[in-house]
C-alpha atoms as a PDB file:
ATOM      1  CA  UNK A   1     -70.839 -20.228  32.647  1.00  0.00           C
ATOM      2  CA  UNK A   2     -70.376 -24.148  33.742  1.00  0.00           C
ATOM      3  CA  UNK A   3     -67.381 -24.724  35.637  1.00  0.00           C
ATOM      4  CA  UNK A   4     -64.853 -27.041  33.170  1.00  0.00           C
ATOM      5  CA  UNK A   5     -63.232 -29.835  34.754  1.00  0.00           C
ATOM      6  CA  UNK A   6     -60.675 -32.177  32.476  1.00  0.00           C
ATOM      7  CA  UNK A   7     -60.190 -35.413  34.771  1.00  0.00           C
ATOM      8  CA  UNK A   8     -64.068 -35.554  34.187  1.00  0.00           C
ATOM      9  CA  UNK A   9     -64.150 -35.039  30.602  1.00  0.00           C
ATOM     10  CA  UNK A  10     -63.501 -38.263  28.159  1.00  0.00           C
ATOM     11  CA  UNK A  11     -59.791 -38.473  26.413  1.00  0.00           C
ATOM     12  CA  UNK A  12     -59.221 -38.067  23.189  1.00  0.00           C
ATOM     13  CA  UNK A  13     -56.479 -40.758  22.256  1.00  0.00           C
ATOM     14  CA  UNK A  14     -53.931 -38.704  19.586  1.00  0.00           C
ATOM     15  CA  UNK A  15     -54.082 -42.053  16.785  1.00  0.00           C
ATOM     16  CA  UNK A  16     -50.511 -42.500  16.500  1.00  0.00           C
ATOM     17  CA  UNK A  17     -49.286 -45.692  18.146  1.00  0.00           C
ATOM     18  CA  UNK A  18     -45.318 -47.130  18.283  1.00  0.00           C
ATOM     19  CA  UNK A  19     -44.868 -50.311  17.562  1.00  0.00           C
ATOM     20  CA  UNK A  20     -44.048 -52.645  20.375  1.00  0.00           C
ATOM     21  CA  UNK A  21     -40.427 -53.010  21.083  1.00  0.00           C
ATOM     22  CA  UNK A  22     -39.589 -50.324  19.018  1.00  0.00           C
ATOM     23  CA  UNK A  23     -37.306 -48.198  21.310  1.00  0.00           C
ATOM     24  CA  UNK A  24     -35.526 -51.444  22.719  1.00  0.00           C
ATOM     25  CA  UNK A  25     -34.512 -51.947  18.992  1.00  0.00           C
ATOM     26  CA  UNK A  26     -34.409 -48.865  17.598  1.00  0.00           C
ATOM     27  CA  UNK A  27     -29.974 -48.283  18.192  1.00  0.00           C
ATOM     28  CA  UNK A  28     -29.367 -51.624  17.137  1.00  0.00           C
ATOM     29  CA  UNK A  29     -31.239 -50.785  13.699  1.00  0.00           C
ATOM     30  CA  UNK A  30     -30.140 -47.287  13.171  1.00  0.00           C
ATOM     31  CA  UNK A  31     -26.400 -48.826  13.518  1.00  0.00           C
ATOM     32  CA  UNK A  32     -26.858 -51.183  10.595  1.00  0.00           C
ATOM     33  CA  UNK A  33     -28.126 -48.344   8.511  1.00  0.00           C
ATOM     34  CA  UNK A  34     -25.067 -45.999   9.035  1.00  0.00           C
ATOM     35  CA  UNK A  35     -22.459 -46.351   6.179  1.00  0.00           C
ATOM     36  CA  UNK A  36     -19.550 -48.406   7.436  1.00  0.00           C
ATOM     37  CA  UNK A  37     -16.973 -45.874   6.540  1.00  0.00           C
ATOM     38  CA  UNK A  38     -17.507 -42.125   7.625  1.00  0.00           C
ATOM     39  CA  UNK A  39     -17.658 -39.410   4.966  1.00  0.00           C
ATOM     40  CA  UNK A  40     -14.519 -37.037   4.976  1.00  0.00           C
ATOM     41  CA  UNK A  41     -15.032 -33.654   6.666  1.00  0.00           C
ATOM     42  CA  UNK A  42     -13.315 -30.743   5.019  1.00  0.00           C
ATOM     43  CA  UNK A  43     -13.567 -27.661   6.977  1.00  0.00           C
ATOM     44  CA  UNK A  44     -14.657 -24.208   5.925  1.00  0.00           C
ATOM     45  CA  UNK A  45     -10.976 -22.956   6.737  1.00  0.00           C
ATOM     46  CA  UNK A  46      -9.388 -25.435   4.781  1.00  0.00           C
ATOM     47  CA  UNK A  47     -11.634 -24.396   1.436  1.00  0.00           C
ATOM     48  CA  UNK A  48     -10.325 -20.641   2.219  1.00  0.00           C
ATOM     49  CA  UNK A  49      -6.960 -21.325   2.749  1.00  0.00           C
ATOM     50  CA  UNK A  50      -5.602 -20.682  -0.675  1.00  0.00           C
ATOM     51  CA  UNK A  51      -7.819 -17.851  -0.934  1.00  0.00           C
ATOM     52  CA  UNK A  52      -6.415 -16.239   2.378  1.00  0.00           C
ATOM     53  CA  UNK A  53      -2.753 -17.171   1.500  1.00  0.00           C
ATOM     54  CA  UNK A  54      -3.016 -15.188  -1.801  1.00  0.00           C
ATOM     55  CA  UNK A  55      -4.720 -12.187   0.043  1.00  0.00           C
ATOM     56  CA  UNK A  56      -2.192 -12.319   2.417  1.00  0.00           C
ATOM     57  CA  UNK A  57       0.823 -12.567  -0.207  1.00  0.00           C
ATOM     58  CA  UNK A  58      -0.796  -9.546  -2.311  1.00  0.00           C
ATOM     59  CA  UNK A  59      -0.864  -6.988   0.985  1.00  0.00           C
ATOM     60  CA  UNK A  60       2.949  -8.295   1.465  1.00  0.00           C
ATOM     61  CA  UNK A  61       3.757  -7.222  -1.899  1.00  0.00           C
ATOM     62  CA  UNK A  62       1.724  -4.153  -1.892  1.00  0.00           C
ATOM     63  CA  UNK A  63       3.369  -2.960   1.351  1.00  0.00           C
ATOM     64  CA  UNK A  64       6.873  -3.877   0.283  1.00  0.00           C
ATOM     65  CA  UNK A  65       6.568  -2.458  -3.357  1.00  0.00           C
ATOM     66  CA  UNK A  66       6.648   1.366  -1.705  1.00  0.00           C
ATOM     67  CA  UNK A  67       9.564   0.372   0.561  1.00  0.00           C
ATOM     68  CA  UNK A  68      11.684  -1.100  -2.196  1.00  0.00           C
ATOM     69  CA  UNK A  69      11.279   1.890  -4.578  1.00  0.00           C
ATOM     70  CA  UNK A  70      12.612   4.527  -1.582  1.00  0.00           C
ATOM     71  CA  UNK A  71      15.244   2.294  -0.813  1.00  0.00           C
ATOM     72  CA  UNK A  72      16.324   1.902  -4.334  1.00  0.00           C
ATOM     73  CA  UNK A  73      15.937   5.737  -4.839  1.00  0.00           C
ATOM     74  CA  UNK A  74      18.293   6.906  -2.563  1.00  0.00           C
ATOM     75  CA  UNK A  75      21.677   7.091  -4.550  1.00  0.00           C
ATOM     76  CA  UNK A  76      24.959   8.012  -3.227  1.00  0.00           C
ATOM     77  CA  UNK A  77      25.710  10.421  -5.891  1.00  0.00           C
ATOM     78  CA  UNK A  78      25.099  14.371  -4.847  1.00  0.00           C
ATOM     79  CA  UNK A  79      22.149  16.159  -6.360  1.00  0.00           C
ATOM     80  CA  UNK A  80      23.527  19.714  -8.143  1.00  0.00           C
ATOM     81  CA  UNK A  81      21.327  21.603  -5.596  1.00  0.00           C
ATOM     82  CA  UNK A  82      23.772  20.121  -2.330  1.00  0.00           C
ATOM     83  CA  UNK A  83      26.554  20.476  -4.600  1.00  0.00           C
ATOM     84  CA  UNK A  84      25.483  23.959  -5.204  1.00  0.00           C
ATOM     85  CA  UNK A  85      25.185  24.956  -1.682  1.00  0.00           C
ATOM     86  CA  UNK A  86      28.505  23.731  -0.886  1.00  0.00           C
ATOM     87  CA  UNK A  87      30.320  25.343  -3.343  1.00  0.00           C
ATOM     88  CA  UNK A  88      28.804  28.842  -3.065  1.00  0.00           C
ATOM     89  CA  UNK A  89      28.286  28.681   1.114  1.00  0.00           C
ATOM     90  CA  UNK A  90      31.105  26.722   2.447  1.00  0.00           C
ATOM     91  CA  UNK A  91      34.114  26.344   0.271  1.00  0.00           C
ATOM     92  CA  UNK A  92      36.643  29.010  -0.553  1.00  0.00           C
ATOM     93  CA  UNK A  93      36.394  28.420  -4.368  1.00  0.00           C
ATOM     94  CA  UNK A  94      35.419  31.495  -6.484  1.00  0.00           C
ATOM     95  CA  UNK A  95      33.586  31.867 -10.007  1.00  0.00           C
ATOM     96  CA  UNK A  96      36.782  32.081 -11.454  1.00  0.00           C
ATOM     97  CA  UNK A  97      38.527  28.795 -10.525  1.00  0.00           C
ATOM     98  CA  UNK A  98      35.378  26.916 -11.086  1.00  0.00           C
ATOM     99  CA  UNK A  99      35.583  28.635 -14.862  1.00  0.00           C
ATOM    100  CA  UNK A 100      39.669  27.576 -15.124  1.00  0.00           C
ATOM    101  CA  UNK A 101      38.435  24.154 -14.235  1.00  0.00           C
ATOM    102  CA  UNK A 102      35.627  23.785 -17.165  1.00  0.00           C
ATOM    103  CA  UNK A 103      36.609  22.250 -20.523  1.00  0.00           C
ATOM    104  CA  UNK A 104      35.536  23.950 -23.773  1.00  0.00           C
ATOM    105  CA  UNK A 105      32.842  21.590 -24.610  1.00  0.00           C
ATOM    106  CA  UNK A 106      31.395  21.950 -20.646  1.00  0.00           C
ATOM    107  CA  UNK A 107      31.355  25.877 -21.378  1.00  0.00           C
ATOM    108  CA  UNK A 108      29.516  24.965 -24.858  1.00  0.00           C
ATOM    109  CA  UNK A 109      26.937  23.513 -22.746  1.00  0.00           C
ATOM    110  CA  UNK A 110      26.199  26.216 -20.344  1.00  0.00           C
ATOM    111  CA  UNK A 111      26.057  28.870 -22.553  1.00  0.00           C
ATOM    112  CA  UNK A 112      22.717  29.442 -22.610  1.00  0.00           C
ATOM    113  CA  UNK A 113      20.735  32.326 -25.001  1.00  0.00           C
ATOM    114  CA  UNK A 114      19.430  35.564 -22.596  1.00  0.00           C
ATOM    115  CA  UNK A 115      17.586  37.856 -23.845  1.00  0.00           C
ATOM    116  CA  UNK A 116      16.953  40.983 -22.119  1.00  0.00           C
ATOM    117  CA  UNK A 117      14.886  44.010 -23.224  1.00  0.00           C
ATOM    118  CA  UNK A 118      16.417  47.469 -23.244  1.00  0.00           C
ATOM    119  CA  UNK A 119      14.067  48.380 -20.503  1.00  0.00           C
ATOM    120  CA  UNK A 120      15.396  45.780 -18.276  1.00  0.00           C
ATOM    121  CA  UNK A 121      19.202  46.889 -18.867  1.00  0.00           C
ATOM    122  CA  UNK A 122      18.182  50.284 -18.414  1.00  0.00           C
ATOM    123  CA  UNK A 123      16.584  49.480 -15.173  1.00  0.00           C
ATOM    124  CA  UNK A 124      19.408  47.289 -13.838  1.00  0.00           C
ATOM    125  CA  UNK A 125      22.183  50.168 -15.057  1.00  0.00           C
ATOM    126  CA  UNK A 126      20.255  53.128 -13.423  1.00  0.00           C
ATOM    127  CA  UNK A 127      19.843  50.974 -10.057  1.00  0.00           C
ATOM    128  CA  UNK A 128      23.374  50.206  -9.787  1.00  0.00           C
ATOM    129  CA  UNK A 129      25.605  52.904  -9.210  1.00  0.00           C
ATOM    130  CA  UNK A 130      28.998  51.120 -10.072  1.00  0.00           C
ATOM    131  CA  UNK A 131      29.277  51.099 -13.597  1.00  0.00           C
ATOM    132  CA  UNK A 132      32.841  50.327 -13.471  1.00  0.00           C
ATOM    133  CA  UNK A 133      32.595  47.141 -11.614  1.00  0.00           C
ATOM    134  CA  UNK A 134      29.456  45.848 -13.831  1.00  0.00           C
ATOM    135  CA  UNK A 135      31.797  46.870 -17.314  1.00  0.00           C
ATOM    136  CA  UNK A 136      34.979  45.134 -15.763  1.00  0.00           C
ATOM    137  CA  UNK A 137      32.957  41.767 -15.251  1.00  0.00           C
END
Protein backbone atom coordinates (compact mmCIF):
# COMPACT_ATOMS: atom_id res chain seq x y z
CA UNK A 1 0.00 0.00 0.00
CA UNK A 2 1.09 3.53 -0.74
CA UNK A 3 1.74 6.03 1.93
CA UNK A 4 -0.67 8.89 1.93
CA UNK A 5 0.57 12.33 2.80
CA UNK A 6 -1.90 15.18 3.13
CA UNK A 7 0.61 17.91 2.61
CA UNK A 8 1.58 16.68 -0.82
CA UNK A 9 -1.95 16.33 -2.22
CA UNK A 10 -3.75 19.28 -3.84
CA UNK A 11 -6.14 21.06 -1.47
CA UNK A 12 -9.84 21.40 -2.30
CA UNK A 13 -11.46 24.76 -1.81
CA UNK A 14 -14.79 24.84 0.03
CA UNK A 15 -16.57 27.08 -2.42
CA UNK A 16 -17.81 29.52 0.22
CA UNK A 17 -16.27 32.93 0.60
CA UNK A 18 -17.10 35.75 2.95
CA UNK A 19 -17.25 39.22 1.51
CA UNK A 20 -14.43 41.54 2.29
CA UNK A 21 -14.82 43.52 5.56
CA UNK A 22 -17.88 41.42 6.46
CA UNK A 23 -16.91 40.79 10.06
CA UNK A 24 -15.76 44.35 10.57
CA UNK A 25 -19.20 45.75 9.79
CA UNK A 26 -21.18 42.82 11.13
CA UNK A 27 -21.89 44.17 14.62
CA UNK A 28 -23.00 47.55 13.29
CA UNK A 29 -25.39 45.97 10.78
CA UNK A 30 -26.80 43.63 13.41
CA UNK A 31 -27.51 46.49 15.83
CA UNK A 32 -29.37 48.35 13.08
CA UNK A 33 -31.62 45.37 12.41
CA UNK A 34 -32.61 44.90 16.07
CA UNK A 35 -35.91 46.46 17.09
CA UNK A 36 -35.74 49.60 19.19
CA UNK A 37 -38.11 48.38 21.90
CA UNK A 38 -37.21 45.21 23.69
CA UNK A 39 -40.06 42.71 23.83
CA UNK A 40 -41.76 42.15 27.17
CA UNK A 41 -40.50 39.02 28.85
CA UNK A 42 -43.09 37.01 30.79
CA UNK A 43 -41.68 34.37 33.03
CA UNK A 44 -43.30 30.96 33.32
CA UNK A 45 -44.02 31.55 37.01
CA UNK A 46 -46.09 34.66 36.22
CA UNK A 47 -48.37 32.69 33.92
CA UNK A 48 -48.91 29.95 36.45
CA UNK A 49 -49.18 32.24 39.45
CA UNK A 50 -52.98 32.33 39.49
CA UNK A 51 -53.14 28.59 38.98
CA UNK A 52 -50.76 27.91 41.87
CA UNK A 53 -52.59 30.31 44.19
CA UNK A 54 -55.94 28.71 43.41
CA UNK A 55 -54.55 25.24 44.15
CA UNK A 56 -53.12 26.53 47.45
CA UNK A 57 -56.47 28.07 48.40
CA UNK A 58 -58.32 24.83 47.64
CA UNK A 59 -55.85 22.84 49.74
CA UNK A 60 -56.19 25.24 52.67
CA UNK A 61 -59.99 25.06 52.51
CA UNK A 62 -59.87 21.28 52.20
CA UNK A 63 -57.74 21.02 55.32
CA UNK A 64 -59.74 23.57 57.30
CA UNK A 65 -63.18 22.01 56.77
CA UNK A 66 -62.51 18.91 58.94
CA UNK A 67 -60.95 21.07 61.64
CA UNK A 68 -63.91 23.43 61.62
CA UNK A 69 -66.46 20.63 61.81
CA UNK A 70 -64.71 18.99 64.77
CA UNK A 71 -64.53 22.30 66.63
CA UNK A 72 -68.13 23.21 65.94
CA UNK A 73 -69.54 19.77 66.75
CA UNK A 74 -68.20 19.74 70.30
CA UNK A 75 -71.17 20.98 72.27
CA UNK A 76 -71.26 22.02 75.87
CA UNK A 77 -74.34 19.95 76.60
CA UNK A 78 -73.98 16.61 78.27
CA UNK A 79 -74.80 13.62 76.21
CA UNK A 80 -77.19 10.99 77.52
CA UNK A 81 -74.56 8.34 78.26
CA UNK A 82 -72.45 10.69 80.39
CA UNK A 83 -75.46 11.88 82.35
CA UNK A 84 -76.72 8.33 82.89
CA UNK A 85 -73.31 7.12 84.07
CA UNK A 86 -72.99 10.01 86.49
CA UNK A 87 -76.42 9.49 87.99
CA UNK A 88 -76.04 5.74 88.33
CA UNK A 89 -72.46 5.62 89.68
CA UNK A 90 -71.54 8.96 91.23
CA UNK A 91 -74.62 10.43 92.87
CA UNK A 92 -76.80 9.41 95.77
CA UNK A 93 -79.96 9.78 93.73
CA UNK A 94 -82.20 6.73 93.75
CA UNK A 95 -84.62 5.70 91.07
CA UNK A 96 -87.52 6.76 93.27
CA UNK A 97 -86.08 10.29 93.53
CA UNK A 98 -85.84 10.46 89.76
CA UNK A 99 -89.38 9.22 89.22
CA UNK A 100 -90.77 11.71 91.72
CA UNK A 101 -89.15 14.58 89.74
CA UNK A 102 -90.66 13.53 86.41
CA UNK A 103 -93.76 15.18 85.02
CA UNK A 104 -96.63 13.03 83.73
CA UNK A 105 -95.82 14.07 80.16
CA UNK A 106 -92.24 12.83 80.61
CA UNK A 107 -93.48 9.53 81.97
CA UNK A 108 -95.79 9.10 78.96
CA UNK A 109 -92.84 9.65 76.62
CA UNK A 110 -90.73 7.08 78.48
CA UNK A 111 -93.35 4.34 78.34
CA UNK A 112 -92.51 1.64 75.88
CA UNK A 113 -94.34 -1.46 74.91
CA UNK A 114 -92.36 -4.41 76.14
CA UNK A 115 -93.66 -7.75 75.03
CA UNK A 116 -92.23 -10.65 76.94
CA UNK A 117 -92.98 -14.19 76.10
CA UNK A 118 -94.23 -16.53 78.74
CA UNK A 119 -91.06 -18.61 78.62
CA UNK A 120 -88.91 -15.55 79.35
CA UNK A 121 -91.05 -14.63 82.36
CA UNK A 122 -90.93 -18.20 83.63
CA UNK A 123 -87.14 -18.29 83.29
CA UNK A 124 -86.79 -15.07 85.29
CA UNK A 125 -89.09 -16.33 88.01
CA UNK A 126 -87.35 -19.70 88.31
CA UNK A 127 -83.84 -18.27 88.47
CA UNK A 128 -84.68 -15.56 91.01
CA UNK A 129 -85.38 -16.91 94.48
CA UNK A 130 -86.68 -13.64 95.94
CA UNK A 131 -90.28 -13.68 94.74
CA UNK A 132 -91.39 -11.20 97.34
CA UNK A 133 -88.88 -8.60 96.13
CA UNK A 134 -90.10 -9.01 92.56
CA UNK A 135 -93.74 -8.74 93.61
CA UNK A 136 -93.22 -5.59 95.65
CA UNK A 137 -91.33 -3.81 92.96
